[in-house]
């Protein structure tokens, strides 16, 4: 099956995290936006904006033939931007909910780093998990 399943799984993970987090955040943040487009956060017109993107992943579980990707370590960076008016607590709430959704998918998560700018607050965190080609991720 080669590498194609890795791309599909990456998309599935984003879709699951987005749908589940959106369901839990929409009432408090009706304009929340999820994206995979780089540079959207600080330039967004909708806050909070959740930018989730894949960062360097690694093949795992090579066999002697090494002609298949049997397992892959997926790594994602989560960047949440909120307007100053929404405040740091809103940024923390959104980051926490997104990380909760990654934990429900059995990812290991990092501690978030928070940065305050002139007009926005940003929270950045990472998540990692090794997933086998036949693993079910929908927990």
Protein backbone atom coordinates (compact mmCIF):
# COMPACT_ATOMS: atom_id res chain seq x y z
CA UNK A 1 0.00 0.00 0.00
CA UNK A 2 3.07 2.25 0.07
CA UNK A 3 2.80 5.78 1.39
CA UNK A 4 -0.71 6.84 0.28
CA UNK A 5 -2.34 5.74 3.54
CA UNK A 6 -0.14 8.22 5.47
CA UNK A 7 -1.60 11.18 3.58
CA UNK A 8 -5.12 9.85 4.05
CA UNK A 9 -4.60 9.27 7.77
CA UNK A 10 -3.20 12.80 8.22
CA UNK A 11 -6.36 14.22 6.65
CA UNK A 12 -8.57 11.94 8.78
CA UNK A 13 -6.85 13.12 11.98
CA UNK A 14 -7.37 16.79 11.11
CA UNK A 15 -11.03 16.17 10.22
CA UNK A 16 -11.73 14.32 13.49
CA UNK A 17 -9.98 16.89 15.69
CA UNK A 18 -11.71 19.79 13.92
CA UNK A 19 -15.20 18.27 14.10
CA UNK A 20 -14.96 17.28 17.75
CA UNK A 21 -13.35 20.51 18.95
CA UNK A 22 -15.72 22.66 16.89
CA UNK A 23 -18.71 20.91 18.45
CA UNK A 24 -17.42 21.78 21.94
CA UNK A 25 -16.30 25.35 21.18
CA UNK A 26 -18.95 26.69 18.77
CA UNK A 27 -21.36 27.93 21.46
CA UNK A 28 -18.69 30.02 23.22
CA UNK A 29 -16.87 31.04 20.02
CA UNK A 30 -19.43 31.23 17.16
CA UNK A 31 -16.84 32.65 14.71
CA UNK A 32 -14.13 30.08 15.41
CA UNK A 33 -12.17 29.07 12.32
CA UNK A 34 -10.14 25.90 11.74
CA UNK A 35 -7.59 25.85 8.93
CA UNK A 36 -4.62 24.03 7.49
CA UNK A 37 -3.49 27.11 5.55
CA UNK A 38 -0.17 28.58 6.63
CA UNK A 39 -0.13 32.20 7.74
CA UNK A 40 -3.84 32.36 8.47
CA UNK A 41 -3.70 33.00 12.23
CA UNK A 42 -2.33 36.53 12.53
CA UNK A 43 -3.97 37.57 9.26
CA UNK A 44 -7.35 36.05 10.00
CA UNK A 45 -10.55 38.04 10.14
CA UNK A 46 -12.15 35.42 12.39
CA UNK A 47 -10.97 34.82 15.94
CA UNK A 48 -10.19 32.44 17.40
CA UNK A 49 -8.38 30.79 14.50
CA UNK A 50 -7.00 27.28 14.94
CA UNK A 51 -4.19 26.41 12.51
CA UNK A 52 -3.28 22.71 12.59
CA UNK A 53 -0.47 21.50 10.40
CA UNK A 54 1.69 18.46 10.07
CA UNK A 55 5.32 18.79 11.01
CA UNK A 56 8.09 16.32 10.26
CA UNK A 57 6.86 12.76 10.73
CA UNK A 58 8.95 9.62 10.67
CA UNK A 59 8.47 6.16 9.22
CA UNK A 60 8.43 3.44 11.86
CA UNK A 61 8.27 -0.35 11.84
CA UNK A 62 10.37 -1.08 8.77
CA UNK A 63 10.55 -4.72 7.78
CA UNK A 64 13.36 -6.49 5.90
CA UNK A 65 11.81 -5.80 2.49
CA UNK A 66 11.31 -2.11 3.35
CA UNK A 67 8.85 -1.71 0.46
CA UNK A 68 5.92 -0.52 2.57
CA UNK A 69 5.29 2.13 5.20
CA UNK A 70 4.06 -0.13 8.01
CA UNK A 71 3.76 2.58 10.66
CA UNK A 72 4.29 6.33 10.81
CA UNK A 73 4.93 8.80 13.62
CA UNK A 74 2.52 11.64 12.98
CA UNK A 75 3.40 15.04 14.43
CA UNK A 76 1.19 18.10 14.39
CA UNK A 77 1.64 21.69 15.51
CA UNK A 78 -1.41 23.54 16.77
CA UNK A 79 -1.41 27.34 16.65
CA UNK A 80 -4.36 29.19 18.15
CA UNK A 81 -4.78 32.94 17.73
CA UNK A 82 -7.31 35.04 19.58
CA UNK A 83 -7.85 38.78 19.54
CA UNK A 84 -6.66 40.80 22.53
CA UNK A 85 -10.33 41.50 23.33
CA UNK A 86 -10.97 37.76 23.72
CA UNK A 87 -7.99 37.53 26.06
CA UNK A 88 -5.47 34.92 27.13
CA UNK A 89 -8.10 32.79 28.85
CA UNK A 90 -9.90 32.29 25.54
CA UNK A 91 -6.63 31.23 23.91
CA UNK A 92 -6.01 28.74 26.72
CA UNK A 93 -9.56 27.38 26.48
CA UNK A 94 -9.27 26.73 22.74
CA UNK A 95 -5.76 25.23 22.96
CA UNK A 96 -6.93 22.99 25.81
CA UNK A 97 -9.93 21.72 23.87
CA UNK A 98 -7.89 20.95 20.75
CA UNK A 99 -5.26 19.12 22.81
CA UNK A 100 -8.05 17.19 24.56
CA UNK A 101 -9.22 15.99 21.15
CA UNK A 102 -5.70 14.87 20.22
CA UNK A 103 -5.50 13.00 23.56
CA UNK A 104 -8.78 11.23 22.73
CA UNK A 105 -7.02 9.99 19.59
CA UNK A 106 -4.16 8.68 21.81
CA UNK A 107 -1.61 11.35 20.90
CA UNK A 108 1.12 12.54 23.24
CA UNK A 109 0.82 16.31 23.66
CA UNK A 110 3.26 19.04 24.65
CA UNK A 111 2.86 21.90 27.04
CA UNK A 112 1.52 24.98 25.24
CA UNK A 113 3.59 28.14 24.84
CA UNK A 114 1.72 31.45 24.90
CA UNK A 115 2.84 34.62 23.16
CA UNK A 116 1.22 38.04 23.48
CA UNK A 117 1.43 40.47 20.57
CA UNK A 118 -0.01 43.94 20.11
CA UNK A 119 -3.36 42.78 18.76
CA UNK A 120 -3.44 38.99 19.22
CA UNK A 121 -2.63 36.28 21.71
CA UNK A 122 -1.16 33.04 20.37
CA UNK A 123 -0.91 29.59 21.89
CA UNK A 124 1.32 26.94 20.30
CA UNK A 125 1.47 23.22 21.15
CA UNK A 126 2.48 19.96 19.50
CA UNK A 127 1.17 16.41 19.44
CA UNK A 128 2.71 13.09 18.34
CA UNK A 129 1.61 9.51 17.82
CA UNK A 130 2.87 6.46 15.97
CA UNK A 131 0.06 4.83 14.00
CA UNK A 132 0.22 1.52 12.18
CA UNK A 133 -1.17 1.09 8.69
CA UNK A 134 -4.12 -0.99 9.98
CA UNK A 135 -4.74 0.89 13.26
CA UNK A 136 -8.18 2.34 13.93
CA UNK A 137 -7.84 5.95 15.12
CA UNK A 138 -11.50 6.75 15.78
CA UNK A 139 -11.74 6.37 19.55
